Amino acid sequence: MKRTIFFMFLAAITIFFTTGAYAQCGHAKWVLYDNFDSYADIEEMKASPKWNISEADEEIANFSIEDGRLKIEHLADKPDDSAWAQLTKKPEKMLGIHATMKVESWAGDVRVRIGADYGVVHENFDHLVWYQMQLRHRYADWIENNQEYVAGNISVLDSLNNFDWLYDLFYTELGNGKRIIVGVPYMITAKWYEEQAYFGVDDPDDVGEVKFWLTEKIDKIDEPFRAIGTRSSNPEGKCVVYIDDVYVYKYLYRHRHRH
């Protein structure tokens, strides 16, 4: 059943700007971006102006529409590869993404995530500030048991060198660490705006939320990347996940003349 009542958990913010001879009024609110009900198959989704799934993405994962949901099957033997469904309709106005994610199965070191360009470090345009919130399955020989957990981070990446990780500005694990994720729908809320980043899970309601205030000055970029997707970190990494009810947190503007 569609979970479209998450507005009960979220509050919109209102911001007013006044310039010259008129007042420019704007407010941010959650609006439905896509619930995938209108697509008969993945080709119809790919033809929509809302999404971009590249050929490179389709070499890493199988994308399909199933029961009114986006299904992503991340393939094994794709270590350190990401597959994305990129949100392409005015991404510069998006300050957050909310989606319901349900992992059907996974193995190895793999994650399902919302990712977004926060901006760039002030006066250092090669250092991309990256926001990520993820459901993670982690496996390694030195870990006694496989781990499932919800995590979020803000990292600085080297955009000149294959977006290699440089350092974290922030990292958190929600819901007291390890938990059951497979088979459980997770309503994920990711927000990045002004100096504050937000990581939250509305359901299951015991996971909670985390807010982080950035102290480093961040400059905006013109065409920021916003996407939902998967990534593996070893050859064994694979997963099947269903995505539904995608909302975006965006500024809506109107102009009115001053009296």
Protein backbone atom coordinates (compact mmCIF):
# COMPACT_ATOMS: atom_id res chain seq x y z
CA MET A 1 0.00 0.00 0.00
CA LYS A 2 1.26 3.44 -0.89
CA ARG A 3 2.70 5.43 1.97
CA THR A 4 1.79 8.97 1.08
CA ILE A 5 0.97 10.35 4.52
CA PHE A 6 4.49 11.15 5.61
CA PHE A 7 3.64 14.86 5.64
CA MET A 8 2.40 14.28 9.17
CA PHE A 9 6.02 13.91 10.21
CA LEU A 10 7.48 16.88 8.35
CA ALA A 11 7.16 20.66 8.65
CA ALA A 12 7.73 23.11 5.81
CA ILE A 13 9.81 26.25 6.24
CA THR A 14 9.01 29.72 4.94
CA ILE A 15 11.61 32.24 3.82
CA PHE A 16 11.01 35.80 2.67
CA PHE A 17 13.33 37.87 0.47
CA THR A 18 12.82 41.56 -0.23
CA THR A 19 14.63 43.30 -3.08
CA GLY A 20 14.13 46.60 -4.92
CA ALA A 21 10.59 47.46 -5.94
CA TYR A 22 8.96 44.14 -5.12
CA ALA A 23 8.98 41.36 -2.57
CA GLN A 24 10.00 37.89 -3.68
CA CYS A 25 8.29 35.36 -1.43
CA GLY A 26 9.28 31.76 -1.29
CA HIS A 27 8.64 28.70 0.80
CA ALA A 28 9.96 25.18 0.78
CA LYS A 29 7.60 22.23 0.87
CA TRP A 30 7.43 18.54 0.09
CA VAL A 31 5.85 17.71 -3.25
CA LEU A 32 5.32 14.36 -4.93
CA TYR A 33 7.97 13.78 -7.57
CA ASP A 34 6.98 10.29 -8.74
CA ASN A 35 5.17 7.21 -7.49
CA PHE A 36 5.87 5.16 -10.67
CA ASP A 37 2.18 4.27 -11.14
CA SER A 38 2.01 5.84 -14.59
CA TYR A 39 4.74 3.71 -16.17
CA ALA A 40 3.94 0.45 -17.92
CA ASP A 41 7.63 -0.45 -18.05
CA ILE A 42 11.10 0.95 -17.47
CA GLU A 43 11.31 2.39 -20.98
CA GLU A 44 8.39 4.69 -20.21
CA MET A 45 10.13 5.84 -17.05
CA LYS A 46 13.38 6.47 -18.92
CA ALA A 47 11.44 8.55 -21.47
CA SER A 48 10.11 10.79 -18.70
CA PRO A 49 11.80 14.19 -18.22
CA LYS A 50 12.00 13.40 -14.51
CA TRP A 51 14.64 10.68 -14.70
CA ASN A 52 17.91 9.68 -16.27
CA ILE A 53 19.18 6.10 -16.21
CA SER A 54 22.28 5.84 -18.34
CA GLU A 55 23.62 2.88 -20.29
CA ALA A 56 26.48 2.74 -17.80
CA ASP A 57 23.99 2.46 -14.94
CA GLU A 58 22.21 -0.39 -16.73
CA GLU A 59 25.47 -2.32 -17.02
CA ILE A 60 25.72 -2.30 -13.23
CA ALA A 61 22.09 -2.92 -12.30
CA ASN A 62 18.84 -4.08 -13.83
CA PHE A 63 16.08 -1.45 -13.63
CA SER A 64 12.41 -2.34 -14.02
CA ILE A 65 8.91 -1.29 -13.03
CA GLU A 66 7.07 -3.85 -10.93
CA ASP A 67 3.71 -3.38 -9.20
CA GLY A 68 3.95 0.40 -9.46
CA ARG A 69 7.42 0.54 -7.94
CA LEU A 70 10.94 1.03 -9.27
CA LYS A 71 12.95 -2.18 -8.89
CA ILE A 72 16.75 -2.04 -8.88
CA GLU A 73 18.74 -5.25 -9.00
CA HIS A 74 22.40 -4.46 -8.39
CA LEU A 75 24.52 -7.17 -10.04
CA ALA A 76 27.40 -9.09 -8.46
CA ASP A 77 30.97 -8.71 -9.72
CA LYS A 78 30.61 -4.91 -9.91
CA PRO A 79 32.97 -3.82 -7.10
CA ASP A 80 33.15 -0.08 -6.43
CA ASP A 81 30.44 0.62 -9.00
CA SER A 82 27.30 2.72 -8.54
CA ALA A 83 23.98 2.54 -10.37
CA TRP A 84 21.70 5.57 -10.28
CA ALA A 85 18.22 6.74 -11.17
CA GLN A 86 18.95 10.45 -11.42
CA LEU A 87 16.28 13.07 -10.68
CA THR A 88 16.57 15.55 -13.53
CA LYS A 89 13.60 17.93 -13.26
CA LYS A 90 15.02 21.18 -11.80
CA PRO A 91 17.48 19.49 -9.42
CA GLU A 92 18.90 22.87 -8.40
CA LYS A 93 15.65 23.59 -6.55
CA MET A 94 15.67 20.31 -4.63
CA LEU A 95 16.71 20.59 -0.99
CA GLY A 96 15.74 17.07 -0.03
CA ILE A 97 14.43 13.69 -1.16
CA HIS A 98 12.02 11.38 0.63
CA ALA A 99 11.46 7.82 -0.58
CA THR A 100 10.21 4.46 0.62
CA MET A 101 12.83 1.76 0.17
CA LYS A 102 12.29 -1.96 0.69
CA VAL A 103 15.26 -4.29 0.34
CA GLU A 104 14.19 -7.73 -0.82
CA SER A 105 17.64 -9.33 -0.63
CA TRP A 106 21.31 -8.45 -0.46
CA ALA A 107 24.75 -9.96 0.03
CA GLY A 108 28.35 -8.83 0.28
CA ASP A 109 29.18 -5.19 0.88
CA VAL A 110 26.36 -3.21 -0.74
CA ARG A 111 24.16 -0.21 -0.04
CA VAL A 112 20.92 1.44 -1.19
CA ARG A 113 21.06 5.20 -0.99
CA ILE A 114 19.98 8.72 -1.68
CA GLY A 115 22.88 10.83 -2.94
CA ALA A 116 23.20 14.54 -3.64
CA ASP A 117 25.76 17.21 -4.40
CA TYR A 118 25.67 19.61 -1.46
CA GLY A 119 28.01 22.03 -3.22
CA VAL A 120 31.74 22.70 -3.24
CA VAL A 121 34.13 23.83 -0.54
CA HIS A 122 34.37 27.62 -0.65
CA GLU A 123 37.09 28.79 -3.07
CA ASN A 124 38.08 25.19 -3.76
CA PHE A 125 35.84 24.08 -6.61
CA ASP A 126 37.64 20.75 -7.03
CA HIS A 127 36.45 19.62 -3.60
CA LEU A 128 32.86 18.42 -3.97
CA VAL A 129 30.73 18.21 -0.84
CA TRP A 130 28.65 15.03 -1.08
CA TYR A 131 25.54 14.10 0.93
CA GLN A 132 24.56 10.46 1.31
CA MET A 133 21.96 8.53 3.30
CA GLN A 134 21.98 4.78 2.97
CA LEU A 135 20.70 1.40 3.99
CA ARG A 136 23.85 -0.69 4.25
CA HIS A 137 24.74 -4.37 4.24
CA ARG A 138 28.35 -4.77 5.22
CA TYR A 139 30.37 -7.92 4.99
CA ALA A 140 34.06 -8.58 5.44
CA ASP A 141 36.17 -11.53 6.57
CA TRP A 142 37.02 -9.74 9.80
CA ILE A 143 33.37 -9.06 10.71
CA GLU A 144 31.89 -11.86 12.81
CA ASN A 145 28.37 -11.42 11.42
CA ASN A 146 26.92 -9.54 8.48
CA GLN A 147 25.79 -6.09 9.52
CA GLU A 148 22.67 -4.22 8.43
CA TYR A 149 22.34 -0.58 9.45
CA VAL A 150 21.15 2.90 8.47
CA ALA A 151 23.87 5.51 7.99
CA GLY A 152 24.37 9.02 6.73
CA ASN A 153 27.40 11.09 5.91
CA ILE A 154 28.67 14.30 4.38
CA SER A 155 32.00 13.82 2.65
CA VAL A 156 34.43 15.84 0.60
CA LEU A 157 35.39 14.22 -2.72
CA ASP A 158 38.13 15.03 -5.24
CA SER A 159 36.23 15.83 -8.44
CA LEU A 160 39.44 15.84 -10.50
CA ASN A 161 40.37 12.28 -9.50
CA ASN A 162 37.34 10.08 -10.08
CA PHE A 163 35.56 11.61 -7.07
CA ASP A 164 37.90 9.89 -4.66
CA TRP A 165 37.04 10.28 -0.99
CA LEU A 166 39.16 12.89 0.82
CA TYR A 167 37.57 13.21 4.25
CA ASP A 168 34.26 13.22 6.10
CA LEU A 169 32.64 16.32 7.51
CA PHE A 170 30.10 14.17 9.33
CA TYR A 171 29.09 10.53 9.77
CA THR A 172 26.24 8.97 11.73
CA GLU A 173 24.52 5.63 12.23
CA LEU A 174 20.83 5.88 13.11
CA GLY A 175 18.77 3.55 15.27
CA ASN A 176 21.57 2.30 17.52
CA GLY A 177 23.53 0.55 14.81
CA LYS A 178 22.77 -2.98 13.60
CA ARG A 179 19.14 -3.79 12.79
CA ILE A 180 16.92 -5.85 10.46
CA ILE A 181 16.46 -4.17 7.08
CA VAL A 182 15.57 -6.92 4.57
CA GLY A 183 11.82 -7.16 4.06
CA VAL A 184 11.05 -3.98 6.03
CA PRO A 185 9.93 -0.79 4.23
CA TYR A 186 12.05 2.19 5.30
CA MET A 187 10.69 5.70 4.79
CA ILE A 188 13.90 7.68 4.32
CA THR A 189 14.09 11.47 4.53
CA ALA A 190 17.23 13.24 3.33
CA LYS A 191 17.57 17.04 3.42
CA TRP A 192 20.43 19.40 2.68
CA TYR A 193 19.79 23.12 2.92
CA GLU A 194 21.61 26.21 4.05
CA GLU A 195 24.00 25.17 6.83
CA GLN A 196 21.96 22.21 8.09
CA ALA A 197 21.83 18.61 6.94
CA TYR A 198 19.08 16.26 8.04
CA PHE A 199 19.03 12.45 8.16
CA GLY A 200 15.77 10.81 9.19
CA VAL A 201 13.64 7.67 9.05
CA ASP A 202 9.90 8.13 9.57
CA ASP A 203 9.12 4.42 9.55
CA PRO A 204 10.24 2.23 11.32
CA ASP A 205 9.72 4.91 13.96
CA ASP A 206 12.45 3.69 16.31
CA VAL A 207 15.28 4.73 13.97
CA GLY A 208 14.97 8.45 14.62
CA GLU A 209 16.71 11.46 13.09
CA VAL A 210 19.98 13.36 13.17
CA LYS A 211 20.68 17.01 12.30
CA PHE A 212 24.11 18.41 11.52
CA TRP A 213 25.15 22.05 11.19
CA LEU A 214 28.00 22.67 8.77
CA THR A 215 30.70 25.02 9.94
CA GLU A 216 32.59 24.97 6.65
CA LYS A 217 31.40 27.45 4.02
CA ILE A 218 29.83 25.68 1.06
CA ASP A 219 29.29 27.23 -2.38
CA LYS A 220 26.37 26.13 -4.55
CA ILE A 221 26.83 24.60 -7.98
CA ASP A 222 24.65 25.21 -11.04
CA GLU A 223 23.69 21.65 -11.98
CA PRO A 224 23.75 19.53 -8.82
CA PHE A 225 23.40 15.76 -8.94
CA ARG A 226 20.37 14.25 -7.15
CA ALA A 227 19.70 10.52 -7.35
CA ILE A 228 18.53 7.27 -5.80
CA GLY A 229 20.60 4.17 -6.39
CA THR A 230 22.87 1.35 -5.27
CA ARG A 231 26.58 0.69 -4.84
CA SER A 232 28.74 -2.34 -4.08
CA SER A 233 32.17 -2.33 -2.47
CA ASN A 234 33.28 -5.88 -3.24
CA PRO A 235 32.60 -8.51 -5.94
CA GLU A 236 30.04 -10.27 -3.73
CA GLY A 237 28.00 -7.10 -3.33
CA LYS A 238 24.51 -7.40 -4.82
CA CYS A 239 20.96 -6.50 -3.86
CA VAL A 240 17.34 -6.22 -4.95
CA VAL A 241 15.45 -3.15 -3.75
CA TYR A 242 12.08 -1.55 -4.46
CA ILE A 243 11.69 2.25 -4.49
CA ASP A 244 8.35 3.99 -4.13
CA ASP A 245 6.68 7.33 -3.36
CA VAL A 246 9.52 9.73 -4.12
CA TYR A 247 8.98 13.28 -2.83
CA VAL A 248 11.28 16.28 -3.19
CA TYR A 249 11.71 19.20 -0.81
CA LYS A 250 11.90 22.26 -2.99
CA TYR A 251 11.55 26.03 -3.01
CA LEU A 252 8.42 27.41 -4.60
CA TYR A 253 8.53 31.11 -5.42
CA ARG A 254 6.03 33.80 -6.23
CA HIS A 255 6.43 37.55 -6.72
CA ARG A 256 4.21 40.33 -5.48
CA HIS A 257 4.61 44.09 -5.82
CA ARG A 258 5.10 46.15 -2.72
CA HIS A 259 2.26 48.42 -1.68
